[in-house]
C-alpha cells in the first residue's frame, strides 16, 4: 500500500506542476506577453447603454470605426463612421 500511495503522490505533484505552468502561461497571454503588439485588429472604443437591454458600441477595426447596436432581439451593424 505504501508504494501505491507514493505513485499517487508523485502523480498529483506532477499534475500540480503542469497546472501551475498552464496558469502562468494563461496570465502571460492575458497581459499580451505572447502576442505581438500589432496583432490586435479590433478594439472597443466606447459602449453606451441605450436602454435597459440595448447598447450602442463603437468598434475600431483596422483603423476604421464602426457603430453597432447590441442586446435587442438581434444585433445591428449601423455603419462605418
N, C-alpha and C. Protein backbone atom coordinates (compact mmCIF):
# COMPACT_ATOMS: atom_id res chain seq x y z
N UNK A 1 0.82 -1.19 0.00
CA UNK A 1 0.00 0.00 0.00
C UNK A 1 0.87 1.26 0.00
N UNK A 2 2.00 1.25 0.63
CA UNK A 2 2.88 2.41 0.69
C UNK A 2 3.44 2.77 -0.67
N UNK A 3 3.80 1.75 -1.47
CA UNK A 3 4.36 2.02 -2.80
C UNK A 3 3.30 2.62 -3.72
N UNK A 4 2.08 2.12 -3.67
CA UNK A 4 0.99 2.65 -4.49
C UNK A 4 0.65 4.08 -4.11
N UNK A 5 0.70 4.36 -2.80
CA UNK A 5 0.41 5.71 -2.33
C UNK A 5 1.48 6.68 -2.82
N UNK A 6 2.73 6.26 -2.85
CA UNK A 6 3.82 7.10 -3.34
C UNK A 6 3.64 7.46 -4.80
N UNK A 7 3.14 6.52 -5.60
CA UNK A 7 2.89 6.80 -7.01
C UNK A 7 1.78 7.84 -7.17
N UNK A 8 0.75 7.73 -6.33
CA UNK A 8 -0.34 8.70 -6.40
C UNK A 8 0.14 10.09 -6.01
N UNK A 9 0.97 10.17 -4.98
CA UNK A 9 1.50 11.46 -4.55
C UNK A 9 2.39 12.05 -5.64
N UNK A 10 3.20 11.22 -6.27
CA UNK A 10 4.07 11.68 -7.35
C UNK A 10 3.24 12.18 -8.54
N UNK A 11 2.19 11.45 -8.89
CA UNK A 11 1.32 11.86 -9.99
C UNK A 11 0.60 13.16 -9.66
N UNK A 12 0.14 13.31 -8.42
CA UNK A 12 -0.54 14.54 -8.01
C UNK A 12 0.42 15.73 -8.05
N UNK A 13 1.66 15.51 -7.65
CA UNK A 13 2.66 16.58 -7.71
C UNK A 13 2.95 17.00 -9.14
N UNK A 14 3.08 16.02 -10.04
CA UNK A 14 3.32 16.34 -11.45
C UNK A 14 2.14 17.10 -12.04
N UNK A 15 0.93 16.69 -11.68
CA UNK A 15 -0.27 17.38 -12.17
C UNK A 15 -0.29 18.82 -11.65
N UNK A 16 0.08 19.02 -10.39
CA UNK A 16 0.11 20.37 -9.83
C UNK A 16 1.12 21.25 -10.56
N UNK A 17 2.27 20.69 -10.92
CA UNK A 17 3.28 21.46 -11.65
C UNK A 17 2.76 21.85 -13.03
N UNK A 18 2.14 20.91 -13.73
CA UNK A 18 1.61 21.19 -15.08
C UNK A 18 0.51 22.24 -15.00
N UNK A 19 -0.41 22.11 -14.04
CA UNK A 19 -1.48 23.09 -13.91
C UNK A 19 -0.93 24.47 -13.54
N UNK A 20 0.10 24.51 -12.72
CA UNK A 20 0.73 25.78 -12.37
C UNK A 20 1.35 26.45 -13.58
N UNK A 21 2.02 25.67 -14.42
CA UNK A 21 2.61 26.22 -15.64
C UNK A 21 1.54 26.75 -16.59
N UNK A 22 0.44 26.00 -16.74
CA UNK A 22 -0.65 26.46 -17.59
C UNK A 22 -1.26 27.75 -17.06
N UNK A 23 -1.40 27.86 -15.74
CA UNK A 23 -1.95 29.06 -15.12
C UNK A 23 -1.04 30.26 -15.40
N UNK A 24 0.27 30.07 -15.29
CA UNK A 24 1.21 31.16 -15.55
C UNK A 24 1.18 31.57 -17.02
N UNK A 25 1.11 30.61 -17.94
CA UNK A 25 1.05 30.94 -19.36
C UNK A 25 -0.25 31.67 -19.71
N UNK A 26 -1.35 31.28 -19.08
CA UNK A 26 -2.61 31.98 -19.32
C UNK A 26 -2.52 33.42 -18.85
N UNK A 27 -1.87 33.66 -17.73
CA UNK A 27 -1.68 35.03 -17.24
C UNK A 27 -0.84 35.85 -18.19
N UNK A 28 0.21 35.27 -18.73
CA UNK A 28 1.04 35.98 -19.71
C UNK A 28 0.25 36.29 -20.98
N UNK A 29 -0.55 35.35 -21.42
CA UNK A 29 -1.34 35.56 -22.64
C UNK A 29 -2.35 36.68 -22.43
N UNK A 30 -2.97 36.74 -21.24
CA UNK A 30 -3.94 37.80 -20.96
C UNK A 30 -3.28 39.17 -20.96
N UNK A 31 -2.06 39.26 -20.53
CA UNK A 31 -1.37 40.54 -20.50
C UNK A 31 -0.79 40.89 -21.87
N UNK A 32 -0.93 40.03 -22.83
CA UNK A 32 -0.41 40.30 -24.17
C UNK A 32 1.05 39.95 -24.32
N UNK A 33 1.61 39.21 -23.40
CA UNK A 33 3.01 38.85 -23.46
C UNK A 33 3.35 37.87 -24.57
N UNK A 34 2.37 37.09 -25.02
CA UNK A 34 2.63 36.10 -26.06
C UNK A 34 2.24 36.60 -27.45
N UNK A 35 1.47 37.66 -27.53
CA UNK A 35 1.04 38.19 -28.83
C UNK A 35 1.86 39.42 -29.16
N UNK A 36 2.10 39.63 -30.43
CA UNK A 36 2.83 40.82 -30.83
C UNK A 36 1.93 42.05 -30.65
N UNK A 37 2.50 43.22 -30.36
CA UNK A 37 1.68 44.40 -30.08
C UNK A 37 0.76 44.80 -31.22
N UNK A 38 1.16 44.60 -32.46
CA UNK A 38 0.33 45.00 -33.59
C UNK A 38 -0.68 43.95 -34.02
N UNK A 39 -0.84 42.89 -33.27
CA UNK A 39 -1.70 41.79 -33.68
C UNK A 39 -3.18 42.10 -33.50
N UNK A 40 -3.54 43.04 -32.65
CA UNK A 40 -4.95 43.32 -32.40
C UNK A 40 -5.52 44.20 -33.51
N UNK A 41 -6.55 43.69 -34.15
CA UNK A 41 -7.16 44.43 -35.25
C UNK A 41 -8.48 45.05 -34.84
N UNK A 42 -9.10 44.54 -33.78
CA UNK A 42 -10.41 45.02 -33.35
C UNK A 42 -10.33 45.42 -31.88
N UNK A 43 -10.87 46.61 -31.56
CA UNK A 43 -10.94 47.01 -30.16
C UNK A 43 -12.21 47.82 -29.94
N UNK A 44 -12.73 47.78 -28.72
CA UNK A 44 -13.91 48.55 -28.36
C UNK A 44 -13.46 49.95 -27.97
N UNK A 45 -13.96 50.94 -28.70
CA UNK A 45 -13.62 52.33 -28.41
C UNK A 45 -14.52 52.85 -27.30
N UNK A 46 -15.82 52.59 -27.43
CA UNK A 46 -16.78 53.08 -26.44
C UNK A 46 -18.05 52.26 -26.52
N UNK A 47 -18.72 52.09 -25.39
CA UNK A 47 -20.02 51.40 -25.33
C UNK A 47 -20.92 52.21 -24.41
N UNK A 48 -22.13 52.52 -24.90
CA UNK A 48 -23.07 53.34 -24.14
C UNK A 48 -24.43 52.66 -24.11
N UNK A 49 -25.06 52.58 -22.94
CA UNK A 49 -26.40 51.97 -22.89
C UNK A 49 -27.43 52.88 -23.56
N UNK A 50 -28.30 52.27 -24.34
CA UNK A 50 -29.41 52.99 -24.97
C UNK A 50 -30.64 52.89 -24.08
N UNK A 51 -30.93 51.68 -23.63
CA UNK A 51 -32.00 51.43 -22.68
C UNK A 51 -31.57 50.25 -21.80
N UNK A 52 -32.53 49.60 -21.14
CA UNK A 52 -32.16 48.54 -20.20
C UNK A 52 -31.57 47.31 -20.88
N UNK A 53 -31.84 47.12 -22.18
CA UNK A 53 -31.34 45.93 -22.87
C UNK A 53 -30.30 46.23 -23.95
N UNK A 54 -30.40 47.35 -24.60
CA UNK A 54 -29.56 47.62 -25.78
C UNK A 54 -28.41 48.56 -25.47
N UNK A 55 -27.33 48.40 -26.25
CA UNK A 55 -26.13 49.24 -26.12
C UNK A 55 -25.67 49.67 -27.51
N UNK A 56 -25.17 50.89 -27.59
CA UNK A 56 -24.50 51.37 -28.81
C UNK A 56 -23.01 51.16 -28.58
N UNK A 57 -22.36 50.51 -29.53
CA UNK A 57 -20.94 50.17 -29.39
C UNK A 57 -20.18 50.70 -30.59
N UNK A 58 -19.08 51.41 -30.32
CA UNK A 58 -18.18 51.86 -31.38
C UNK A 58 -16.96 50.95 -31.34
N UNK A 59 -16.70 50.28 -32.45
CA UNK A 59 -15.54 49.41 -32.59
C UNK A 59 -14.55 50.04 -33.54
N UNK A 60 -13.27 49.86 -33.26
CA UNK A 60 -12.23 50.27 -34.21
C UNK A 60 -11.70 49.00 -34.86
N UNK A 61 -11.81 48.94 -36.19
CA UNK A 61 -11.39 47.77 -36.95
C UNK A 61 -10.41 48.24 -38.02
N UNK A 62 -9.16 47.83 -37.90
CA UNK A 62 -8.13 48.21 -38.87
C UNK A 62 -8.09 49.71 -39.11
N UNK A 63 -8.22 50.50 -38.04
CA UNK A 63 -8.13 51.94 -38.16
C UNK A 63 -9.44 52.63 -38.51
N UNK A 64 -10.48 51.89 -38.83
CA UNK A 64 -11.79 52.46 -39.13
C UNK A 64 -12.71 52.21 -37.95
N UNK A 65 -13.72 53.07 -37.78
CA UNK A 65 -14.66 52.90 -36.68
C UNK A 65 -16.02 52.49 -37.21
N UNK A 66 -16.65 51.54 -36.50
CA UNK A 66 -17.96 51.04 -36.88
C UNK A 66 -18.91 51.20 -35.70
N UNK A 67 -20.18 51.49 -36.00
CA UNK A 67 -21.21 51.63 -34.97
C UNK A 67 -22.12 50.41 -35.02
N UNK A 68 -22.31 49.77 -33.85
CA UNK A 68 -23.20 48.62 -33.74
C UNK A 68 -24.20 48.87 -32.62
N UNK A 69 -25.37 48.25 -32.72
CA UNK A 69 -26.34 48.24 -31.63
C UNK A 69 -26.53 46.78 -31.24
N UNK A 70 -26.30 46.48 -29.96
CA UNK A 70 -26.36 45.10 -29.48
C UNK A 70 -27.37 44.99 -28.35
N UNK A 71 -27.84 43.75 -28.12
CA UNK A 71 -28.67 43.45 -26.96
C UNK A 71 -30.15 43.34 -27.22
N UNK A 72 -30.63 43.68 -28.39
CA UNK A 72 -32.04 43.54 -28.71
C UNK A 72 -32.31 42.13 -29.21
N UNK A 73 -33.41 41.95 -29.93
CA UNK A 73 -33.70 40.63 -30.49
C UNK A 73 -32.63 40.19 -31.50
N UNK A 74 -31.99 41.16 -32.13
CA UNK A 74 -30.84 40.86 -32.99
C UNK A 74 -29.89 42.06 -32.96
N UNK A 75 -28.62 41.81 -33.16
CA UNK A 75 -27.62 42.87 -33.18
C UNK A 75 -27.59 43.50 -34.57
N UNK A 76 -27.31 44.80 -34.62
CA UNK A 76 -27.34 45.51 -35.90
C UNK A 76 -26.05 46.27 -36.13
N UNK A 77 -25.54 46.16 -37.35
CA UNK A 77 -24.42 46.98 -37.81
C UNK A 77 -25.03 48.22 -38.42
N UNK A 78 -24.76 49.38 -37.82
CA UNK A 78 -25.37 50.62 -38.30
C UNK A 78 -24.57 51.18 -39.47
N UNK A 79 -23.24 51.20 -39.34
CA UNK A 79 -22.42 51.69 -40.45
C UNK A 79 -21.04 52.08 -39.98
N UNK A 80 -20.23 52.47 -40.97
CA UNK A 80 -18.87 52.94 -40.69
C UNK A 80 -18.94 54.42 -40.36
N UNK A 81 -18.14 54.86 -39.42
CA UNK A 81 -18.11 56.28 -39.04
C UNK A 81 -16.99 56.99 -39.73
